Structure formats: C-alpha cells, structure tokens
Amino acid sequence: MQYCLDVLIPEAFNQILLWRTGERKSVEVMWDNIKEEERLHDRGEELLEETDWVMDIMRLRKIMETSLDKNKLGKEPTSNKALRKTRSGRIGGVVGCYKE
C-alpha cells in the first residue's frame, strides 16, 4: 500500500500531466532513448510542482475573509446595557449564537 502511495500514484500523475501537455506521445517506455525518457520524467516533476495561481489567490482570500469574520465576532460591543447577562445565561435577546 505504501509503495502505491509513495511511488505509483505520483508517477501516474506525472505521466497524466505529460499526456495533457502533449509531451508524452507513446504509452511505451522509450528504452532506446533513455535521455529523452529522463527529460520527460524531469518535465513531469516540474509540472507536478506548478500550481494554479488563480486558485491560490482565491484560497488565500477565503482564509483572510474567514479570519476577518472571526475578528469581528470577537469584538462585539459588551458595554451596551441592553446586552446584560442574566442568570439564565441569556444576553439580551440572544441564546447561544441564535437570536430569539
């Protein structure tokens, strides 16, 4: 199982990326041209390391929005007299995180 995870799956991704870019034209291993096979393998490794910068920016933006929302929730006004805590644990009209 570990061999599949560590060796076979990354190599399969490598070959799929080479097929997508059109650099790999044959299913056969080029035993007669080892240098070309090594070049393709190295190129596949480069393709595996590339990321889609648009998706990276969108992911970072979502993380920033989430952290800003958490900061806003932590800074709610507590000095307002309408939000006094009662014995039942209610704060004004709020029970837990739901409004009544």
Protein backbone atom coordinates (compact mmCIF):
# COMPACT_ATOMS: atom_id res chain seq x y z
CA MET A 1 0.00 0.00 0.00
CA GLN A 2 2.78 2.43 0.95
CA TYR A 3 4.59 1.74 -2.35
CA CYS A 4 1.44 2.67 -4.25
CA LEU A 5 1.06 5.92 -2.31
CA ASP A 6 4.72 6.90 -2.47
CA VAL A 7 5.75 5.74 -5.95
CA LEU A 8 2.97 4.66 -8.27
CA ILE A 9 0.42 7.43 -7.74
CA PRO A 10 2.94 10.30 -8.12
CA GLU A 11 4.32 8.61 -11.26
CA ALA A 12 0.79 8.23 -12.66
CA PHE A 13 0.14 11.95 -12.06
CA ASN A 14 3.45 12.70 -13.72
CA GLN A 15 2.51 10.72 -16.84
CA ILE A 16 -1.02 12.19 -17.00
CA LEU A 17 0.39 15.72 -16.93
CA LEU A 18 2.81 14.83 -19.72
CA TRP A 19 -0.11 13.47 -21.80
CA ARG A 20 -2.17 16.62 -21.15
CA THR A 21 0.61 18.91 -22.37
CA GLY A 22 1.23 16.69 -25.40
CA GLU A 23 4.83 16.00 -24.45
CA ARG A 24 4.23 12.25 -24.00
CA LYS A 25 3.15 10.70 -27.30
CA SER A 26 3.58 6.99 -26.61
CA VAL A 27 2.49 4.61 -23.90
CA GLU A 28 5.72 2.67 -24.31
CA VAL A 29 8.82 3.45 -22.28
CA MET A 30 11.50 4.69 -24.65
CA TRP A 31 14.24 2.19 -23.82
CA ASP A 32 16.18 3.20 -26.91
CA ASN A 33 16.20 6.87 -25.88
CA ILE A 34 16.86 6.94 -22.13
CA LYS A 35 17.87 10.63 -22.15
CA GLU A 36 14.51 11.63 -23.61
CA GLU A 37 12.70 9.46 -21.05
CA GLU A 38 14.67 11.15 -18.23
CA ARG A 39 13.89 14.58 -19.71
CA LEU A 40 10.19 13.73 -19.80
CA HIS A 41 10.32 12.48 -16.21
CA ASP A 42 12.02 15.72 -15.08
CA ARG A 43 9.48 17.79 -17.03
CA GLY A 44 6.67 15.84 -15.37
CA GLU A 45 8.17 16.64 -11.96
CA GLU A 46 8.17 20.34 -12.88
CA LEU A 47 4.53 20.12 -13.93
CA LEU A 48 3.65 18.45 -10.62
CA GLU A 49 5.19 21.37 -8.71
CA GLU A 50 3.33 24.05 -10.68
CA THR A 51 0.22 25.49 -9.06
CA ASP A 52 -2.70 27.42 -10.42
CA TRP A 53 -2.01 30.93 -9.09
CA VAL A 54 -5.64 31.99 -9.51
CA MET A 55 -6.82 29.21 -7.20
CA ASP A 56 -4.02 30.05 -4.74
CA ILE A 57 -5.20 33.67 -4.57
CA MET A 58 -8.84 32.63 -4.15
CA ARG A 59 -7.87 30.24 -1.32
CA LEU A 60 -5.84 32.97 0.43
CA ARG A 61 -8.71 35.43 0.02
CA LYS A 62 -11.16 32.98 1.63
CA ILE A 63 -8.75 32.42 4.54
CA MET A 64 -8.43 36.18 5.03
CA GLU A 65 -12.22 36.68 4.93
CA THR A 66 -12.70 33.90 7.48
CA SER A 67 -10.12 35.37 9.83
CA LEU A 68 -11.62 38.86 9.48
CA ASP A 69 -15.09 37.48 10.28
CA LYS A 70 -13.71 35.78 13.39
CA ASN A 71 -12.06 39.03 14.48
CA LYS A 72 -15.34 40.91 14.04
CA LEU A 73 -17.23 38.33 16.12
CA GLY A 74 -14.72 38.63 18.96
CA LYS A 75 -15.12 42.43 19.11
CA GLU A 76 -18.87 42.74 19.66
CA PRO A 77 -19.90 45.57 21.97
CA THR A 78 -20.37 44.23 25.50
CA SER A 79 -20.78 47.56 27.27
CA ASN A 80 -24.29 48.10 25.89
CA LYS A 81 -26.87 48.00 28.73
CA ALA A 82 -29.33 46.05 26.55
CA LEU A 83 -26.89 43.13 26.45
CA ARG A 84 -26.66 42.43 30.20
CA LYS A 85 -26.17 38.81 31.14
CA THR A 86 -28.96 37.23 33.16
CA ARG A 87 -28.97 34.15 35.42
CA SER A 88 -30.33 32.01 32.59
CA GLY A 89 -27.21 32.71 30.53
CA ARG A 90 -29.07 34.83 28.03
CA ILE A 91 -27.57 38.06 26.81
CA GLY A 92 -30.33 40.42 25.78
CA GLY A 93 -32.32 38.56 23.11
CA VAL A 94 -29.53 36.13 22.24
CA VAL A 95 -29.47 32.47 23.30
CA GLY A 96 -26.14 30.83 22.46
CA CYS A 97 -25.41 32.06 18.98
CA TYR A 98 -29.05 32.25 17.86
CA LYS A 99 -31.33 35.25 18.23
CA GLU A 100 -34.77 34.66 19.70
